Amino acid sequence: MRFMRATDPRVTFAELQTWPDDGRRYELYDGEVIVVPSPFPRHQRVLLHLCEILVEYERAAGGLVFEAPMDIVFSEHDVVQPDVVFFREERRHVIDMMRTPRAAPDLAVEVLSRSTEARDRGRKMQLLARFAVPEYWIVDPVKNTLEVYLLRRSEYELVATYDKTQDVRSPSLPGLTFRAARVFAE
C-alpha cells in the first residue's frame, strides 16, 4: 500500500510542462486545470482576420503579435492562451523568442465560442485584469460585435462595442483603427 503525503492539489506550469503532448490545450486558473476545446471554423476565420489586422499594425507601429496556442505565464498557477496577444514595440524586450512569455501583453483578444464565453467574460477577464493587461477585446462571431475593455483601477471597463458597420479604434494603441467588417468577413 502506497501512502501519499498531503500536498498542494494545484498544478503548476512546471508540472504542466512535463505532461505528454496529447493534442489538447490547457489553461491554469489558480492551479486548476482547464481543457480548452477545439474552436469551430467561424471562430478560426474571425481569428485569422484579427491576426491580419494586428500584423499590419505590427508592421506600421512595431511590436509583436502572437496567436494561440501560446502560453502566457502570469504565475506558476496562472497560465492562459488568449486567442491573440500584442506587445508594444517599447516592451519588445520582455519577449524571448525561445521561451514562454512571462509578461502581461498590452492587448489580449478572445473570440467567443459557446463553450468558452462564460470563462472569457468571467475568470479569464478577472485574471487578465489582476495581472494588468491594459486592453482586452471580446469578439462575438455570432453577433458580429467587438467589445473593447480598458483596465481602470484594476477592473475592466467596457469603453466601446462595435458592430460590423463601424470603425474600431483602440484606446491604448495609437493608430490602431480598422473597419470591423474586416474582422467578420467570410
N, C-alpha and C. Protein backbone atom coordinates (compact mmCIF):
# COMPACT_ATOMS: atom_id res chain seq x y z
N MET A 1 0.84 -1.18 0.00
CA MET A 1 0.00 0.00 0.00
C MET A 1 0.88 1.24 0.00
N ARG A 2 0.57 2.19 -0.92
CA ARG A 2 1.33 3.44 -1.02
C ARG A 2 0.68 4.52 -0.18
N PHE A 3 1.51 5.25 0.52
CA PHE A 3 1.00 6.38 1.28
C PHE A 3 1.30 7.65 0.50
N MET A 4 0.31 8.51 0.44
CA MET A 4 0.50 9.78 -0.26
C MET A 4 0.56 10.88 0.78
N ARG A 5 1.52 11.75 0.64
CA ARG A 5 1.58 12.86 1.58
C ARG A 5 0.69 13.99 1.07
N ALA A 6 0.18 14.74 2.01
CA ALA A 6 -0.67 15.87 1.64
C ALA A 6 0.18 16.93 0.95
N THR A 7 -0.24 17.32 -0.22
CA THR A 7 0.46 18.36 -0.96
C THR A 7 -0.55 19.33 -1.53
N ASP A 8 -0.05 20.39 -2.09
CA ASP A 8 -0.89 21.38 -2.74
C ASP A 8 -1.53 20.72 -3.97
N PRO A 9 -2.86 20.64 -4.02
CA PRO A 9 -3.50 19.97 -5.15
C PRO A 9 -3.45 20.78 -6.45
N ARG A 10 -3.00 22.02 -6.35
CA ARG A 10 -2.95 22.86 -7.54
C ARG A 10 -1.79 22.43 -8.45
N VAL A 11 -2.01 22.52 -9.72
CA VAL A 11 -0.99 22.19 -10.72
C VAL A 11 -0.19 23.45 -11.02
N THR A 12 1.11 23.29 -11.21
CA THR A 12 1.96 24.41 -11.59
C THR A 12 2.27 24.33 -13.08
N PHE A 13 2.74 25.44 -13.61
CA PHE A 13 3.15 25.46 -15.02
C PHE A 13 4.28 24.47 -15.25
N ALA A 14 5.22 24.38 -14.31
CA ALA A 14 6.33 23.44 -14.44
C ALA A 14 5.81 22.00 -14.55
N GLU A 15 4.82 21.66 -13.73
CA GLU A 15 4.24 20.31 -13.81
C GLU A 15 3.52 20.10 -15.14
N LEU A 16 2.79 21.10 -15.56
CA LEU A 16 2.06 21.01 -16.83
C LEU A 16 3.01 20.76 -17.99
N GLN A 17 4.19 21.34 -17.92
CA GLN A 17 5.19 21.16 -18.98
C GLN A 17 5.70 19.72 -19.07
N THR A 18 5.55 18.95 -18.00
CA THR A 18 6.02 17.56 -18.02
C THR A 18 4.98 16.60 -18.57
N TRP A 19 3.74 17.06 -18.75
CA TRP A 19 2.69 16.18 -19.26
C TRP A 19 2.97 15.84 -20.72
N PRO A 20 2.62 14.63 -21.13
CA PRO A 20 2.81 14.27 -22.54
C PRO A 20 1.90 15.11 -23.43
N ASP A 21 2.37 15.40 -24.63
CA ASP A 21 1.56 16.17 -25.58
C ASP A 21 0.43 15.29 -26.08
N ASP A 22 -0.79 15.62 -25.67
CA ASP A 22 -1.94 14.82 -26.08
C ASP A 22 -2.81 15.57 -27.09
N GLY A 23 -2.29 16.69 -27.61
CA GLY A 23 -3.03 17.45 -28.61
C GLY A 23 -4.03 18.43 -28.02
N ARG A 24 -4.20 18.42 -26.71
CA ARG A 24 -5.13 19.34 -26.07
C ARG A 24 -4.42 20.62 -25.66
N ARG A 25 -5.22 21.67 -25.48
CA ARG A 25 -4.71 22.93 -24.94
C ARG A 25 -5.21 23.06 -23.52
N TYR A 26 -4.33 23.51 -22.63
CA TYR A 26 -4.68 23.65 -21.22
C TYR A 26 -4.42 25.08 -20.74
N GLU A 27 -5.25 25.53 -19.81
CA GLU A 27 -5.02 26.77 -19.10
C GLU A 27 -5.05 26.46 -17.60
N LEU A 28 -4.37 27.29 -16.82
CA LEU A 28 -4.37 27.16 -15.36
C LEU A 28 -4.96 28.42 -14.74
N TYR A 29 -5.93 28.21 -13.88
CA TYR A 29 -6.53 29.30 -13.11
C TYR A 29 -6.34 28.95 -11.64
N ASP A 30 -5.40 29.64 -11.00
CA ASP A 30 -5.04 29.34 -9.61
C ASP A 30 -4.74 27.85 -9.44
N GLY A 31 -4.07 27.28 -10.42
CA GLY A 31 -3.66 25.88 -10.36
C GLY A 31 -4.70 24.88 -10.81
N GLU A 32 -5.91 25.34 -11.10
CA GLU A 32 -6.95 24.44 -11.61
C GLU A 32 -6.77 24.29 -13.12
N VAL A 33 -6.72 23.06 -13.57
CA VAL A 33 -6.50 22.78 -14.99
C VAL A 33 -7.83 22.85 -15.74
N ILE A 34 -7.83 23.63 -16.81
CA ILE A 34 -9.00 23.76 -17.69
C ILE A 34 -8.57 23.32 -19.09
N VAL A 35 -9.31 22.38 -19.66
CA VAL A 35 -9.06 21.96 -21.04
C VAL A 35 -9.78 22.95 -21.96
N VAL A 36 -9.04 23.50 -22.91
CA VAL A 36 -9.61 24.45 -23.86
C VAL A 36 -10.08 23.67 -25.08
N PRO A 37 -11.39 23.73 -25.39
CA PRO A 37 -11.91 22.95 -26.51
C PRO A 37 -11.42 23.48 -27.86
N SER A 38 -11.43 22.61 -28.83
CA SER A 38 -11.05 22.98 -30.19
C SER A 38 -12.07 23.96 -30.77
N PRO A 39 -11.61 25.03 -31.42
CA PRO A 39 -12.55 26.01 -31.97
C PRO A 39 -13.23 25.53 -33.24
N PHE A 40 -14.33 26.20 -33.58
CA PHE A 40 -15.07 25.87 -34.79
C PHE A 40 -14.59 26.77 -35.94
N PRO A 41 -14.94 26.44 -37.20
CA PRO A 41 -14.41 27.18 -38.35
C PRO A 41 -14.66 28.70 -38.31
N ARG A 42 -15.85 29.13 -37.93
CA ARG A 42 -16.14 30.58 -37.89
C ARG A 42 -15.20 31.28 -36.92
N HIS A 43 -14.96 30.69 -35.78
CA HIS A 43 -14.01 31.23 -34.80
C HIS A 43 -12.65 31.44 -35.46
N GLN A 44 -12.20 30.43 -36.19
CA GLN A 44 -10.87 30.49 -36.79
C GLN A 44 -10.78 31.54 -37.90
N ARG A 45 -11.86 31.73 -38.66
CA ARG A 45 -11.86 32.76 -39.71
C ARG A 45 -11.76 34.15 -39.07
N VAL A 46 -12.56 34.38 -38.03
CA VAL A 46 -12.51 35.67 -37.34
C VAL A 46 -11.12 35.88 -36.75
N LEU A 47 -10.55 34.85 -36.15
CA LEU A 47 -9.20 34.93 -35.59
C LEU A 47 -8.18 35.26 -36.67
N LEU A 48 -8.29 34.62 -37.81
CA LEU A 48 -7.39 34.89 -38.94
C LEU A 48 -7.44 36.37 -39.34
N HIS A 49 -8.65 36.91 -39.47
CA HIS A 49 -8.79 38.32 -39.86
C HIS A 49 -8.22 39.26 -38.79
N LEU A 50 -8.45 38.96 -37.53
CA LEU A 50 -7.87 39.76 -36.45
C LEU A 50 -6.35 39.75 -36.51
N CYS A 51 -5.78 38.58 -36.75
CA CYS A 51 -4.32 38.47 -36.85
C CYS A 51 -3.79 39.28 -38.03
N GLU A 52 -4.48 39.23 -39.16
CA GLU A 52 -4.06 40.02 -40.32
C GLU A 52 -4.01 41.51 -39.97
N ILE A 53 -5.06 41.99 -39.30
CA ILE A 53 -5.14 43.40 -38.91
C ILE A 53 -4.01 43.75 -37.94
N LEU A 54 -3.78 42.90 -36.96
CA LEU A 54 -2.74 43.20 -35.97
C LEU A 54 -1.33 43.05 -36.54
N VAL A 55 -1.14 42.17 -37.50
CA VAL A 55 0.17 42.08 -38.17
C VAL A 55 0.42 43.35 -38.98
N GLU A 56 -0.61 43.88 -39.64
CA GLU A 56 -0.46 45.16 -40.35
C GLU A 56 -0.05 46.26 -39.37
N TYR A 57 -0.69 46.27 -38.21
CA TYR A 57 -0.35 47.27 -37.19
C TYR A 57 1.08 47.05 -36.70
N GLU A 58 1.47 45.81 -36.49
CA GLU A 58 2.83 45.49 -36.06
C GLU A 58 3.85 46.04 -37.07
N ARG A 59 3.57 45.86 -38.35
CA ARG A 59 4.49 46.36 -39.39
C ARG A 59 4.58 47.88 -39.39
N ALA A 60 3.46 48.54 -39.10
CA ALA A 60 3.43 50.00 -39.12
C ALA A 60 3.98 50.62 -37.84
N ALA A 61 3.66 50.05 -36.69
CA ALA A 61 3.99 50.67 -35.41
C ALA A 61 5.04 49.91 -34.61
N GLY A 62 5.42 48.73 -35.08
CA GLY A 62 6.31 47.90 -34.30
C GLY A 62 5.52 47.07 -33.31
N GLY A 63 6.22 46.36 -32.48
CA GLY A 63 5.57 45.49 -31.52
C GLY A 63 5.58 44.05 -31.99
N LEU A 64 4.88 43.20 -31.27
CA LEU A 64 4.83 41.77 -31.59
C LEU A 64 3.42 41.25 -31.38
N VAL A 65 2.91 40.51 -32.37
CA VAL A 65 1.60 39.89 -32.26
C VAL A 65 1.79 38.37 -32.29
N PHE A 66 1.03 37.67 -31.46
CA PHE A 66 1.07 36.21 -31.41
C PHE A 66 -0.35 35.68 -31.33
N GLU A 67 -0.56 34.50 -31.90
CA GLU A 67 -1.88 33.86 -31.80
C GLU A 67 -1.75 32.53 -31.07
N ALA A 68 -2.87 32.07 -30.55
CA ALA A 68 -2.91 30.79 -29.85
C ALA A 68 -2.61 29.67 -30.85
N PRO A 69 -2.05 28.59 -30.38
CA PRO A 69 -1.76 28.30 -28.97
C PRO A 69 -0.39 28.82 -28.55
N MET A 70 -0.37 29.66 -27.55
CA MET A 70 0.86 30.12 -26.92
C MET A 70 0.54 30.49 -25.48
N ASP A 71 1.24 29.86 -24.56
CA ASP A 71 1.01 30.14 -23.14
C ASP A 71 1.50 31.54 -22.78
N ILE A 72 0.72 32.21 -21.95
CA ILE A 72 1.16 33.42 -21.27
C ILE A 72 1.17 33.06 -19.79
N VAL A 73 2.36 33.07 -19.20
CA VAL A 73 2.52 32.65 -17.80
C VAL A 73 2.54 33.90 -16.92
N PHE A 74 1.48 34.07 -16.14
CA PHE A 74 1.40 35.17 -15.19
C PHE A 74 2.03 34.78 -13.86
N SER A 75 1.85 33.52 -13.47
CA SER A 75 2.45 32.97 -12.26
C SER A 75 2.52 31.46 -12.47
N GLU A 76 3.13 30.75 -11.56
CA GLU A 76 3.22 29.29 -11.71
C GLU A 76 1.85 28.63 -11.71
N HIS A 77 0.84 29.30 -11.16
CA HIS A 77 -0.50 28.72 -11.09
C HIS A 77 -1.51 29.41 -12.02
N ASP A 78 -1.06 30.39 -12.79
CA ASP A 78 -1.96 31.15 -13.66
C ASP A 78 -1.35 31.25 -15.06
N VAL A 79 -1.89 30.45 -15.97
CA VAL A 79 -1.37 30.37 -17.34
C VAL A 79 -2.56 30.33 -18.29
N VAL A 80 -2.58 31.24 -19.26
CA VAL A 80 -3.68 31.27 -20.22
C VAL A 80 -3.15 31.32 -21.64
N GLN A 81 -4.04 31.03 -22.57
CA GLN A 81 -3.73 31.10 -24.00
C GLN A 81 -4.78 31.95 -24.70
N PRO A 82 -4.69 33.28 -24.58
CA PRO A 82 -5.64 34.12 -25.32
C PRO A 82 -5.54 33.82 -26.81
N ASP A 83 -6.62 34.08 -27.54
CA ASP A 83 -6.60 33.83 -28.98
C ASP A 83 -5.54 34.66 -29.68
N VAL A 84 -5.39 35.92 -29.27
CA VAL A 84 -4.36 36.81 -29.82
C VAL A 84 -3.83 37.67 -28.69
N VAL A 85 -2.53 37.94 -28.73
CA VAL A 85 -1.93 38.91 -27.81
C VAL A 85 -1.02 39.83 -28.61
N PHE A 86 -0.87 41.05 -28.10
CA PHE A 86 0.01 42.03 -28.73
C PHE A 86 0.85 42.69 -27.65
N PHE A 87 2.15 42.84 -27.96
CA PHE A 87 3.10 43.55 -27.09
C PHE A 87 3.60 44.77 -27.85
N ARG A 88 3.55 45.94 -27.22
CA ARG A 88 4.02 47.18 -27.84
C ARG A 88 5.52 47.10 -28.16
N GLU A 89 5.93 47.89 -29.12
CA GLU A 89 7.34 47.94 -29.52
C GLU A 89 8.25 48.25 -28.32
N GLU A 90 7.86 49.20 -27.49
CA GLU A 90 8.72 49.58 -26.36
C GLU A 90 8.81 48.50 -25.29
N ARG A 91 7.99 47.47 -25.42
CA ARG A 91 8.04 46.34 -24.47
C ARG A 91 8.52 45.06 -25.16
N ARG A 92 9.02 45.19 -26.35
CA ARG A 92 9.50 44.03 -27.11
C ARG A 92 10.53 43.24 -26.31
N HIS A 93 11.30 43.92 -25.50
CA HIS A 93 12.36 43.28 -24.72
C HIS A 93 11.84 42.25 -23.71
N VAL A 94 10.55 42.29 -23.37
CA VAL A 94 10.01 41.31 -22.40
C VAL A 94 9.79 39.94 -23.03
N ILE A 95 9.93 39.87 -24.35
CA ILE A 95 9.72 38.60 -25.06
C ILE A 95 11.06 38.02 -25.48
N ASP A 96 11.31 36.80 -25.05
CA ASP A 96 12.44 36.00 -25.52
C ASP A 96 11.83 35.00 -26.49
N MET A 97 12.21 35.08 -27.74
CA MET A 97 11.58 34.26 -28.78
C MET A 97 11.76 32.76 -28.57
N MET A 98 12.62 32.36 -27.67
CA MET A 98 12.86 30.94 -27.45
C MET A 98 12.33 30.46 -26.09
N ARG A 99 11.55 31.31 -25.42
CA ARG A 99 10.99 30.95 -24.12
C ARG A 99 9.52 31.34 -24.04
N THR A 100 8.81 30.69 -23.15
CA THR A 100 7.40 31.00 -22.91
C THR A 100 7.29 32.39 -22.29
N PRO A 101 6.42 33.26 -22.84
CA PRO A 101 6.28 34.61 -22.26
C PRO A 101 5.80 34.58 -20.81
N ARG A 102 6.47 35.40 -20.00
CA ARG A 102 6.12 35.54 -18.59
C ARG A 102 5.86 37.01 -18.28
N ALA A 103 5.21 37.67 -19.21
CA ALA A 103 4.88 39.09 -19.06
C ALA A 103 3.47 39.32 -19.61
N ALA A 104 2.81 40.29 -19.02
CA ALA A 104 1.46 40.63 -19.48
C ALA A 104 1.54 41.32 -20.84
N PRO A 105 0.71 40.90 -21.79
CA PRO A 105 0.66 41.61 -23.07
C PRO A 105 -0.04 42.96 -22.89
N ASP A 106 0.09 43.81 -23.90
CA ASP A 106 -0.60 45.11 -23.87
C ASP A 106 -2.04 44.98 -24.35
N LEU A 107 -2.30 43.94 -25.12
CA LEU A 107 -3.65 43.66 -25.61
C LEU A 107 -3.85 42.15 -25.62
N ALA A 108 -4.99 41.71 -25.12
CA ALA A 108 -5.39 40.30 -25.22
C ALA A 108 -6.75 40.29 -25.91
N VAL A 109 -6.94 39.31 -26.80
CA VAL A 109 -8.18 39.21 -27.56
C VAL A 109 -8.72 37.79 -27.43
N GLU A 110 -10.02 37.69 -27.17
CA GLU A 110 -10.71 36.41 -27.17
C GLU A 110 -11.85 36.45 -28.18
N VAL A 111 -11.90 35.44 -29.04
CA VAL A 111 -13.03 35.23 -29.93
C VAL A 111 -13.93 34.22 -29.22
N LEU A 112 -15.17 34.61 -28.98
CA LEU A 112 -16.07 33.78 -28.19
C LEU A 112 -16.46 32.49 -28.90
N SER A 113 -16.64 31.47 -28.11
CA SER A 113 -17.26 30.21 -28.50
C SER A 113 -18.32 29.92 -27.45
N ARG A 114 -19.33 29.18 -27.81
CA ARG A 114 -20.36 28.84 -26.82
C ARG A 114 -19.74 28.21 -25.58
N SER A 115 -18.75 27.36 -25.78
CA SER A 115 -18.18 26.62 -24.65
C SER A 115 -17.21 27.45 -23.80
N THR A 116 -16.77 28.60 -24.30
CA THR A 116 -15.78 29.39 -23.55
C THR A 116 -16.29 30.77 -23.12
N GLU A 117 -17.47 31.16 -23.57
CA GLU A 117 -17.93 32.53 -23.31
C GLU A 117 -17.96 32.88 -21.83
N ALA A 118 -18.52 32.01 -21.00
CA ALA A 118 -18.61 32.32 -19.56
C ALA A 118 -17.21 32.52 -18.97
N ARG A 119 -16.26 31.69 -19.34
CA ARG A 119 -14.90 31.83 -18.81
C ARG A 119 -14.23 33.09 -19.36
N ASP A 120 -14.40 33.35 -20.67
CA ASP A 120 -13.77 34.53 -21.28
C ASP A 120 -14.28 35.83 -20.66
N ARG A 121 -15.56 35.84 -20.27
CA ARG A 121 -16.15 37.04 -19.67
C ARG A 121 -16.02 37.03 -18.14
N GLY A 122 -15.61 35.92 -17.57
CA GLY A 122 -15.51 35.78 -16.12
C GLY A 122 -14.08 35.61 -15.65
N ARG A 123 -13.70 34.36 -15.43
CA ARG A 123 -12.39 34.06 -14.83
C ARG A 123 -11.22 34.62 -15.63
N LYS A 124 -11.27 34.46 -16.95
CA LYS A 124 -10.14 34.94 -17.75
C LYS A 124 -10.06 36.46 -17.69
N MET A 125 -11.21 37.13 -17.81
CA MET A 125 -11.21 38.59 -17.74
C MET A 125 -10.66 39.06 -16.39
N GLN A 126 -11.06 38.42 -15.31
CA GLN A 126 -10.57 38.78 -13.98
C GLN A 126 -9.07 38.54 -13.85
N LEU A 127 -8.61 37.43 -14.41
CA LEU A 127 -7.18 37.11 -14.36
C LEU A 127 -6.36 38.13 -15.14
N LEU A 128 -6.81 38.47 -16.35
CA LEU A 128 -6.11 39.47 -17.15
C LEU A 128 -6.06 40.81 -16.43
N ALA A 129 -7.15 41.18 -15.77
CA ALA A 129 -7.16 42.43 -15.01
C ALA A 129 -6.20 42.36 -13.83
N ARG A 130 -6.20 41.24 -13.12
CA ARG A 130 -5.33 41.08 -11.95
C ARG A 130 -3.86 41.22 -12.33
N PHE A 131 -3.52 40.77 -13.54
CA PHE A 131 -2.12 40.85 -13.97
C PHE A 131 -1.88 42.03 -14.92
N ALA A 132 -2.81 42.99 -14.90
CA ALA A 132 -2.64 44.32 -15.50
C ALA A 132 -2.45 44.33 -17.02
N VAL A 133 -3.25 43.55 -17.73
CA VAL A 133 -3.29 43.64 -19.19
C VAL A 133 -4.13 44.89 -19.50
N PRO A 134 -3.55 45.93 -20.13
CA PRO A 134 -4.24 47.21 -20.26
C PRO A 134 -5.53 47.19 -21.09
N GLU A 135 -5.56 46.36 -22.14
CA GLU A 135 -6.72 46.37 -23.04
C GLU A 135 -7.12 44.93 -23.36
N TYR A 136 -8.43 44.70 -23.39
CA TYR A 136 -8.98 43.36 -23.64
C TYR A 136 -10.14 43.50 -24.61
N TRP A 137 -10.11 42.68 -25.67
CA TRP A 137 -11.21 42.67 -26.63
C TRP A 137 -11.93 41.34 -26.53
N ILE A 138 -13.25 41.40 -26.59
CA ILE A 138 -14.07 40.21 -26.71
C ILE A 138 -14.82 40.31 -28.03
N VAL A 139 -14.59 39.34 -28.89
CA VAL A 139 -15.17 39.34 -30.23
C VAL A 139 -16.23 38.25 -30.31
N ASP A 140 -17.43 38.64 -30.70
CA ASP A 140 -18.54 37.69 -30.81
C ASP A 140 -18.81 37.40 -32.28
N PRO A 141 -18.44 36.20 -32.76
CA PRO A 141 -18.61 35.87 -34.17
C PRO A 141 -20.05 35.55 -34.56
N VAL A 142 -20.93 35.41 -33.59
CA VAL A 142 -22.35 35.18 -33.88
C VAL A 142 -23.07 36.51 -34.03
N LYS A 143 -22.84 37.42 -33.08
CA LYS A 143 -23.49 38.74 -33.12
C LYS A 143 -22.72 39.73 -33.99
N ASN A 144 -21.51 39.36 -34.43
CA ASN A 144 -20.65 40.25 -35.21
C ASN A 144 -20.38 41.55 -34.46
N THR A 145 -19.94 41.41 -33.21
CA THR A 145 -19.59 42.57 -32.40
C THR A 145 -18.19 42.41 -31.82
N LEU A 146 -17.56 43.54 -31.57
CA LEU A 146 -16.24 43.58 -30.95
C LEU A 146 -16.34 44.55 -29.77
N GLU A 147 -16.13 44.03 -28.57
CA GLU A 147 -16.18 44.84 -27.35
C GLU A 147 -14.76 45.19 -26.94
N VAL A 148 -14.55 46.45 -26.61
CA VAL A 148 -13.24 46.92 -26.17
C VAL A 148 -13.33 47.30 -24.70
N TYR A 149 -12.47 46.67 -23.90
CA TYR A 149 -12.40 46.92 -22.46
C TYR A 149 -11.05 47.55 -22.15
N LEU A 150 -11.06 48.53 -21.27
CA LEU A 150 -9.84 49.19 -20.84
C LEU A 150 -9.70 48.99 -19.33
N LEU A 151 -8.49 48.70 -18.89
CA LEU A 151 -8.24 48.48 -17.46
C LEU A 151 -8.21 49.83 -16.74
N ARG A 152 -9.09 49.95 -15.76
CA ARG A 152 -9.15 51.17 -14.95
C ARG A 152 -9.32 50.75 -13.50
N ARG A 153 -8.39 51.19 -12.66
CA ARG A 153 -8.44 50.85 -11.22
C ARG A 153 -8.61 49.35 -11.00
N SER A 154 -7.80 48.57 -11.69
CA SER A 154 -7.73 47.11 -11.54
C SER A 154 -8.96 46.36 -12.02
N GLU A 155 -9.85 47.02 -12.75
CA GLU A 155 -11.02 46.35 -13.32
C GLU A 155 -11.21 46.81 -14.75
N TYR A 156 -11.82 45.95 -15.55
CA TYR A 156 -12.09 46.33 -16.94
C TYR A 156 -13.38 47.13 -17.02
N GLU A 157 -13.31 48.17 -17.83
CA GLU A 157 -14.47 48.99 -18.13
C GLU A 157 -14.74 48.86 -19.63
N LEU A 158 -15.98 48.55 -19.98
CA LEU A 158 -16.37 48.50 -21.38
C LEU A 158 -16.38 49.92 -21.91
N VAL A 159 -15.51 50.21 -22.89
CA VAL A 159 -15.43 51.57 -23.43
C VAL A 159 -16.10 51.69 -24.79
N ALA A 160 -16.29 50.57 -25.49
CA ALA A 160 -16.97 50.63 -26.79
C ALA A 160 -17.39 49.24 -27.22
N THR A 161 -18.51 49.19 -27.92
CA THR A 161 -18.96 47.97 -28.59
C THR A 161 -19.19 48.34 -30.05
N TYR A 162 -18.48 47.65 -30.93
CA TYR A 162 -18.56 47.94 -32.36
C TYR A 162 -19.31 46.83 -33.08
N ASP A 163 -20.14 47.22 -34.06
CA ASP A 163 -20.71 46.22 -34.95
C ASP A 163 -19.98 46.32 -36.28
N LYS A 164 -20.34 45.48 -37.24
CA LYS A 164 -19.53 45.42 -38.45
C LYS A 164 -19.67 46.63 -39.37
N THR A 165 -20.54 47.57 -39.03
CA THR A 165 -20.67 48.79 -39.84
C THR A 165 -19.76 49.91 -39.35
N GLN A 166 -19.04 49.68 -38.25
CA GLN A 166 -18.29 50.76 -37.61
C GLN A 166 -16.78 50.57 -37.73
N ASP A 167 -16.07 51.65 -37.45
CA ASP A 167 -14.61 51.61 -37.38
C ASP A 167 -14.19 51.38 -35.94
N VAL A 168 -13.34 50.38 -35.72
CA VAL A 168 -12.81 50.06 -34.40
C VAL A 168 -11.59 50.93 -34.16
N ARG A 169 -11.50 51.48 -32.95
CA ARG A 169 -10.34 52.30 -32.58
C ARG A 169 -9.86 51.84 -31.21
N SER A 170 -8.60 51.45 -31.14
CA SER A 170 -8.02 51.05 -29.86
C SER A 170 -7.75 52.28 -29.01
N PRO A 171 -8.20 52.28 -27.75
CA PRO A 171 -7.92 53.42 -26.89
C PRO A 171 -6.49 53.47 -26.35
N SER A 172 -5.76 52.36 -26.43
CA SER A 172 -4.41 52.36 -25.84
C SER A 172 -3.29 52.11 -26.85
N LEU A 173 -3.64 51.75 -28.08
CA LEU A 173 -2.62 51.52 -29.11
C LEU A 173 -2.79 52.57 -30.20
N PRO A 174 -2.00 53.63 -30.17
CA PRO A 174 -2.15 54.74 -31.10
C PRO A 174 -2.10 54.29 -32.56
N GLY A 175 -3.08 54.76 -33.33
CA GLY A 175 -3.10 54.46 -34.76
C GLY A 175 -3.75 53.14 -35.12
N LEU A 176 -4.16 52.35 -34.15
CA LEU A 176 -4.81 51.08 -34.47
C LEU A 176 -6.31 51.34 -34.68
N THR A 177 -6.66 51.49 -35.95
CA THR A 177 -8.04 51.73 -36.37
C THR A 177 -8.31 50.87 -37.59
N PHE A 178 -9.48 50.24 -37.63
CA PHE A 178 -9.83 49.39 -38.76
C PHE A 178 -11.34 49.23 -38.84
N ARG A 179 -11.82 48.87 -39.99
CA ARG A 179 -13.25 48.63 -40.21
C ARG A 179 -13.60 47.27 -39.59
N ALA A 180 -14.59 47.25 -38.72
CA ALA A 180 -14.99 46.00 -38.06
C ALA A 180 -15.43 44.94 -39.07
N ALA A 181 -15.96 45.36 -40.21
CA ALA A 181 -16.40 44.40 -41.24
C ALA A 181 -15.26 43.48 -41.66
N ARG A 182 -14.02 43.96 -41.60
CA ARG A 182 -12.87 43.12 -41.95
C ARG A 182 -12.77 41.90 -41.03
N VAL A 183 -13.08 42.09 -39.77
CA VAL A 183 -12.99 41.01 -38.79
C VAL A 183 -14.03 39.93 -39.09
N PHE A 184 -15.21 40.35 -39.52
CA PHE A 184 -16.33 39.42 -39.67
C PHE A 184 -16.55 38.94 -41.10
N ALA A 185 -15.63 39.26 -42.00
CA ALA A 185 -15.75 38.80 -43.39
C ALA A 185 -15.71 37.28 -43.43
N GLU A 186 -16.44 36.72 -44.36
CA GLU A 186 -16.45 35.25 -44.51
C GLU A 186 -15.14 34.86 -45.14
